[in-house]
Amino acid sequence: MELKSELKDMIIRELKLKNVSPEDIDDEGPLFGSESKLGLDSLDAVELVVIVQKKYAVDIGDRNTATVAFASINALADYITKNRPAP
């Protein structure tokens, strides 16, 4: 499964988003903030950090890193790809 599709499915499933499908999540659209269609908040951000760290073994150490990594699906996929440990 393509990483972006996997991330969309994971976000919907793990954050228990109702009435949201993967097609509703724009690859370039913001995941958080007033312009986001997902309605995610700071608690969702913390949960998402933990999920990404467990699933992909990628450390998101501070708020600035999280802001960059969670800017969009594209940004998150790029961050994971660049920071994931080699198999």
N, C-alpha and C. Protein backbone atom coordinates (compact mmCIF):
# COMPACT_ATOMS: atom_id res chain seq x y z
N MET A 1 0.85 -1.18 0.00
CA MET A 1 0.00 0.00 0.00
C MET A 1 0.89 1.25 0.00
N GLU A 2 0.56 2.19 -0.81
CA GLU A 2 1.31 3.44 -0.87
C GLU A 2 1.27 4.12 0.50
N LEU A 3 2.40 4.74 0.87
CA LEU A 3 2.52 5.33 2.20
C LEU A 3 1.44 6.38 2.47
N LYS A 4 1.14 7.23 1.51
CA LYS A 4 0.12 8.27 1.72
C LYS A 4 -1.24 7.66 2.00
N SER A 5 -1.61 6.64 1.26
CA SER A 5 -2.90 5.96 1.50
C SER A 5 -2.91 5.29 2.86
N GLU A 6 -1.78 4.68 3.20
CA GLU A 6 -1.66 4.03 4.51
C GLU A 6 -1.81 5.06 5.64
N LEU A 7 -1.20 6.22 5.47
CA LEU A 7 -1.30 7.27 6.49
C LEU A 7 -2.73 7.78 6.64
N LYS A 8 -3.41 7.97 5.54
CA LYS A 8 -4.80 8.43 5.59
C LYS A 8 -5.67 7.41 6.32
N ASP A 9 -5.52 6.14 5.97
CA ASP A 9 -6.30 5.08 6.63
C ASP A 9 -5.98 5.04 8.12
N MET A 10 -4.69 5.17 8.46
CA MET A 10 -4.27 5.12 9.84
C MET A 10 -4.85 6.29 10.65
N ILE A 11 -4.81 7.48 10.09
CA ILE A 11 -5.35 8.66 10.77
C ILE A 11 -6.84 8.48 11.03
N ILE A 12 -7.57 8.05 10.03
CA ILE A 12 -9.02 7.86 10.18
C ILE A 12 -9.31 6.79 11.23
N ARG A 13 -8.62 5.68 11.16
CA ARG A 13 -8.86 4.55 12.07
C ARG A 13 -8.41 4.88 13.49
N GLU A 14 -7.18 5.31 13.65
CA GLU A 14 -6.61 5.50 14.99
C GLU A 14 -7.19 6.70 15.73
N LEU A 15 -7.55 7.74 14.98
CA LEU A 15 -8.13 8.92 15.63
C LEU A 15 -9.66 8.86 15.64
N LYS A 16 -10.18 7.74 15.14
CA LYS A 16 -11.63 7.48 15.15
C LYS A 16 -12.44 8.62 14.54
N LEU A 17 -12.02 9.02 13.34
CA LEU A 17 -12.71 10.10 12.64
C LEU A 17 -13.98 9.55 11.99
N LYS A 18 -15.08 10.15 12.30
CA LYS A 18 -16.37 9.73 11.77
C LYS A 18 -16.66 10.51 10.49
N ASN A 19 -17.31 9.85 9.56
CA ASN A 19 -17.73 10.47 8.31
C ASN A 19 -16.58 11.07 7.50
N VAL A 20 -15.41 10.45 7.61
CA VAL A 20 -14.24 10.87 6.84
C VAL A 20 -13.73 9.65 6.10
N SER A 21 -13.48 9.80 4.81
CA SER A 21 -12.89 8.72 4.03
C SER A 21 -11.51 9.18 3.56
N PRO A 22 -10.66 8.26 3.14
CA PRO A 22 -9.34 8.65 2.66
C PRO A 22 -9.41 9.68 1.51
N GLU A 23 -10.45 9.57 0.70
CA GLU A 23 -10.60 10.50 -0.42
C GLU A 23 -10.89 11.93 0.05
N ASP A 24 -11.38 12.06 1.27
CA ASP A 24 -11.67 13.38 1.83
C ASP A 24 -10.42 14.12 2.29
N ILE A 25 -9.33 13.41 2.43
CA ILE A 25 -8.09 14.01 2.93
C ILE A 25 -7.21 14.37 1.74
N ASP A 26 -7.02 15.66 1.54
CA ASP A 26 -6.18 16.18 0.46
C ASP A 26 -4.72 16.00 0.84
N ASP A 27 -3.91 15.48 -0.08
CA ASP A 27 -2.49 15.26 0.19
C ASP A 27 -1.77 16.53 0.59
N GLU A 28 -2.18 17.67 0.04
CA GLU A 28 -1.54 18.96 0.33
C GLU A 28 -2.26 19.75 1.42
N GLY A 29 -3.46 19.33 1.79
CA GLY A 29 -4.25 20.06 2.77
C GLY A 29 -3.69 19.94 4.17
N PRO A 30 -3.89 20.97 4.99
CA PRO A 30 -3.38 20.93 6.36
C PRO A 30 -4.11 19.88 7.20
N LEU A 31 -3.36 19.20 8.06
CA LEU A 31 -3.96 18.21 8.95
C LEU A 31 -4.54 18.87 10.20
N PHE A 32 -3.95 19.99 10.59
CA PHE A 32 -4.36 20.70 11.80
C PHE A 32 -4.62 22.17 11.48
N GLY A 33 -5.34 22.83 12.36
CA GLY A 33 -5.58 24.26 12.22
C GLY A 33 -6.95 24.57 11.66
N SER A 34 -7.22 25.85 11.57
CA SER A 34 -8.54 26.30 11.16
C SER A 34 -8.86 25.97 9.70
N GLU A 35 -7.83 25.78 8.88
CA GLU A 35 -8.06 25.47 7.46
C GLU A 35 -8.23 23.97 7.21
N SER A 36 -7.99 23.16 8.23
CA SER A 36 -8.11 21.72 8.09
C SER A 36 -9.58 21.31 8.09
N LYS A 37 -9.90 20.35 7.24
CA LYS A 37 -11.26 19.82 7.19
C LYS A 37 -11.46 18.67 8.18
N LEU A 38 -10.36 18.25 8.85
CA LEU A 38 -10.43 17.08 9.72
C LEU A 38 -10.84 17.40 11.15
N GLY A 39 -10.65 18.62 11.58
CA GLY A 39 -11.03 19.00 12.93
C GLY A 39 -10.13 18.40 14.01
N LEU A 40 -8.86 18.16 13.67
CA LEU A 40 -7.93 17.59 14.64
C LEU A 40 -7.46 18.66 15.62
N ASP A 41 -7.22 18.23 16.87
CA ASP A 41 -6.78 19.17 17.90
C ASP A 41 -5.44 18.72 18.49
N SER A 42 -5.00 19.39 19.54
CA SER A 42 -3.69 19.09 20.13
C SER A 42 -3.62 17.68 20.73
N LEU A 43 -4.72 17.17 21.24
CA LEU A 43 -4.72 15.79 21.75
C LEU A 43 -4.54 14.79 20.62
N ASP A 44 -5.15 15.09 19.49
CA ASP A 44 -4.96 14.24 18.31
C ASP A 44 -3.50 14.28 17.86
N ALA A 45 -2.88 15.44 17.97
CA ALA A 45 -1.47 15.58 17.57
C ALA A 45 -0.58 14.68 18.44
N VAL A 46 -0.82 14.71 19.74
CA VAL A 46 -0.03 13.87 20.65
C VAL A 46 -0.23 12.40 20.31
N GLU A 47 -1.46 12.01 20.11
CA GLU A 47 -1.76 10.62 19.76
C GLU A 47 -1.10 10.24 18.44
N LEU A 48 -1.14 11.13 17.49
CA LEU A 48 -0.54 10.86 16.18
C LEU A 48 0.98 10.73 16.28
N VAL A 49 1.62 11.53 17.11
CA VAL A 49 3.06 11.42 17.33
C VAL A 49 3.39 10.01 17.83
N VAL A 50 2.66 9.54 18.82
CA VAL A 50 2.90 8.22 19.39
C VAL A 50 2.68 7.13 18.36
N ILE A 51 1.62 7.24 17.59
CA ILE A 51 1.30 6.24 16.57
C ILE A 51 2.40 6.17 15.52
N VAL A 52 2.84 7.32 15.03
CA VAL A 52 3.89 7.37 14.00
C VAL A 52 5.20 6.80 14.57
N GLN A 53 5.52 7.14 15.80
CA GLN A 53 6.75 6.63 16.40
C GLN A 53 6.72 5.11 16.53
N LYS A 54 5.59 4.57 16.95
CA LYS A 54 5.47 3.11 17.11
C LYS A 54 5.47 2.39 15.76
N LYS A 55 4.66 2.87 14.84
CA LYS A 55 4.47 2.17 13.57
C LYS A 55 5.67 2.28 12.63
N TYR A 56 6.30 3.46 12.60
CA TYR A 56 7.35 3.70 11.62
C TYR A 56 8.74 3.88 12.23
N ALA A 57 8.85 3.80 13.57
CA ALA A 57 10.12 3.97 14.27
C ALA A 57 10.78 5.31 13.91
N VAL A 58 9.94 6.33 13.81
CA VAL A 58 10.40 7.66 13.46
C VAL A 58 10.17 8.57 14.66
N ASP A 59 11.23 9.27 15.09
CA ASP A 59 11.12 10.15 16.24
C ASP A 59 10.66 11.53 15.81
N ILE A 60 9.64 12.02 16.47
CA ILE A 60 9.18 13.39 16.27
C ILE A 60 9.38 14.06 17.63
N GLY A 61 10.58 14.60 17.80
CA GLY A 61 11.04 15.01 19.11
C GLY A 61 10.47 16.27 19.70
N ASP A 62 10.17 17.26 18.89
CA ASP A 62 9.72 18.52 19.48
C ASP A 62 8.59 19.12 18.66
N ARG A 63 8.06 20.20 19.17
CA ARG A 63 6.90 20.86 18.55
C ARG A 63 7.21 21.37 17.14
N ASN A 64 8.41 21.92 16.94
CA ASN A 64 8.77 22.43 15.62
C ASN A 64 8.84 21.31 14.59
N THR A 65 9.40 20.18 15.00
CA THR A 65 9.46 19.02 14.11
C THR A 65 8.06 18.53 13.79
N ALA A 66 7.21 18.48 14.79
CA ALA A 66 5.83 18.02 14.59
C ALA A 66 5.08 18.97 13.65
N THR A 67 5.30 20.26 13.80
CA THR A 67 4.63 21.24 12.93
C THR A 67 4.99 21.00 11.47
N VAL A 68 6.25 20.73 11.21
CA VAL A 68 6.71 20.47 9.84
C VAL A 68 6.17 19.12 9.36
N ALA A 69 6.32 18.09 10.19
CA ALA A 69 5.93 16.73 9.79
C ALA A 69 4.43 16.59 9.56
N PHE A 70 3.63 17.30 10.36
CA PHE A 70 2.18 17.15 10.27
C PHE A 70 1.52 18.28 9.48
N ALA A 71 2.27 18.95 8.64
CA ALA A 71 1.71 20.04 7.83
C ALA A 71 0.67 19.50 6.84
N SER A 72 0.91 18.31 6.32
CA SER A 72 0.01 17.68 5.34
C SER A 72 0.36 16.20 5.23
N ILE A 73 -0.43 15.47 4.49
CA ILE A 73 -0.11 14.06 4.24
C ILE A 73 1.21 13.96 3.48
N ASN A 74 1.40 14.82 2.49
CA ASN A 74 2.66 14.81 1.74
C ASN A 74 3.85 15.06 2.65
N ALA A 75 3.72 16.04 3.55
CA ALA A 75 4.81 16.37 4.47
C ALA A 75 5.10 15.20 5.41
N LEU A 76 4.05 14.55 5.90
CA LEU A 76 4.23 13.43 6.81
C LEU A 76 4.88 12.25 6.10
N ALA A 77 4.43 11.95 4.91
CA ALA A 77 5.02 10.85 4.13
C ALA A 77 6.49 11.14 3.84
N ASP A 78 6.79 12.37 3.49
CA ASP A 78 8.17 12.77 3.21
C ASP A 78 9.03 12.65 4.47
N TYR A 79 8.51 13.11 5.60
CA TYR A 79 9.25 13.05 6.86
C TYR A 79 9.54 11.60 7.25
N ILE A 80 8.55 10.75 7.14
CA ILE A 80 8.73 9.33 7.48
C ILE A 80 9.76 8.69 6.55
N THR A 81 9.64 8.94 5.26
CA THR A 81 10.56 8.37 4.28
C THR A 81 12.00 8.79 4.57
N LYS A 82 12.22 10.04 4.91
CA LYS A 82 13.57 10.54 5.16
C LYS A 82 14.13 10.10 6.50
N ASN A 83 13.27 9.82 7.48
CA ASN A 83 13.74 9.55 8.83
C ASN A 83 13.55 8.11 9.31
N ARG A 84 12.96 7.30 8.49
CA ARG A 84 12.71 5.90 8.85
C ARG A 84 14.04 5.14 8.85
N PRO A 85 14.24 4.28 9.85
CA PRO A 85 15.47 3.48 9.86
C PRO A 85 15.51 2.54 8.66
N ALA A 86 16.70 2.29 8.18
CA ALA A 86 16.87 1.38 7.06
C ALA A 86 16.49 -0.03 7.48
N PRO A 87 15.83 -0.77 6.57
CA PRO A 87 15.42 -2.14 6.91
C PRO A 87 16.60 -3.10 7.05
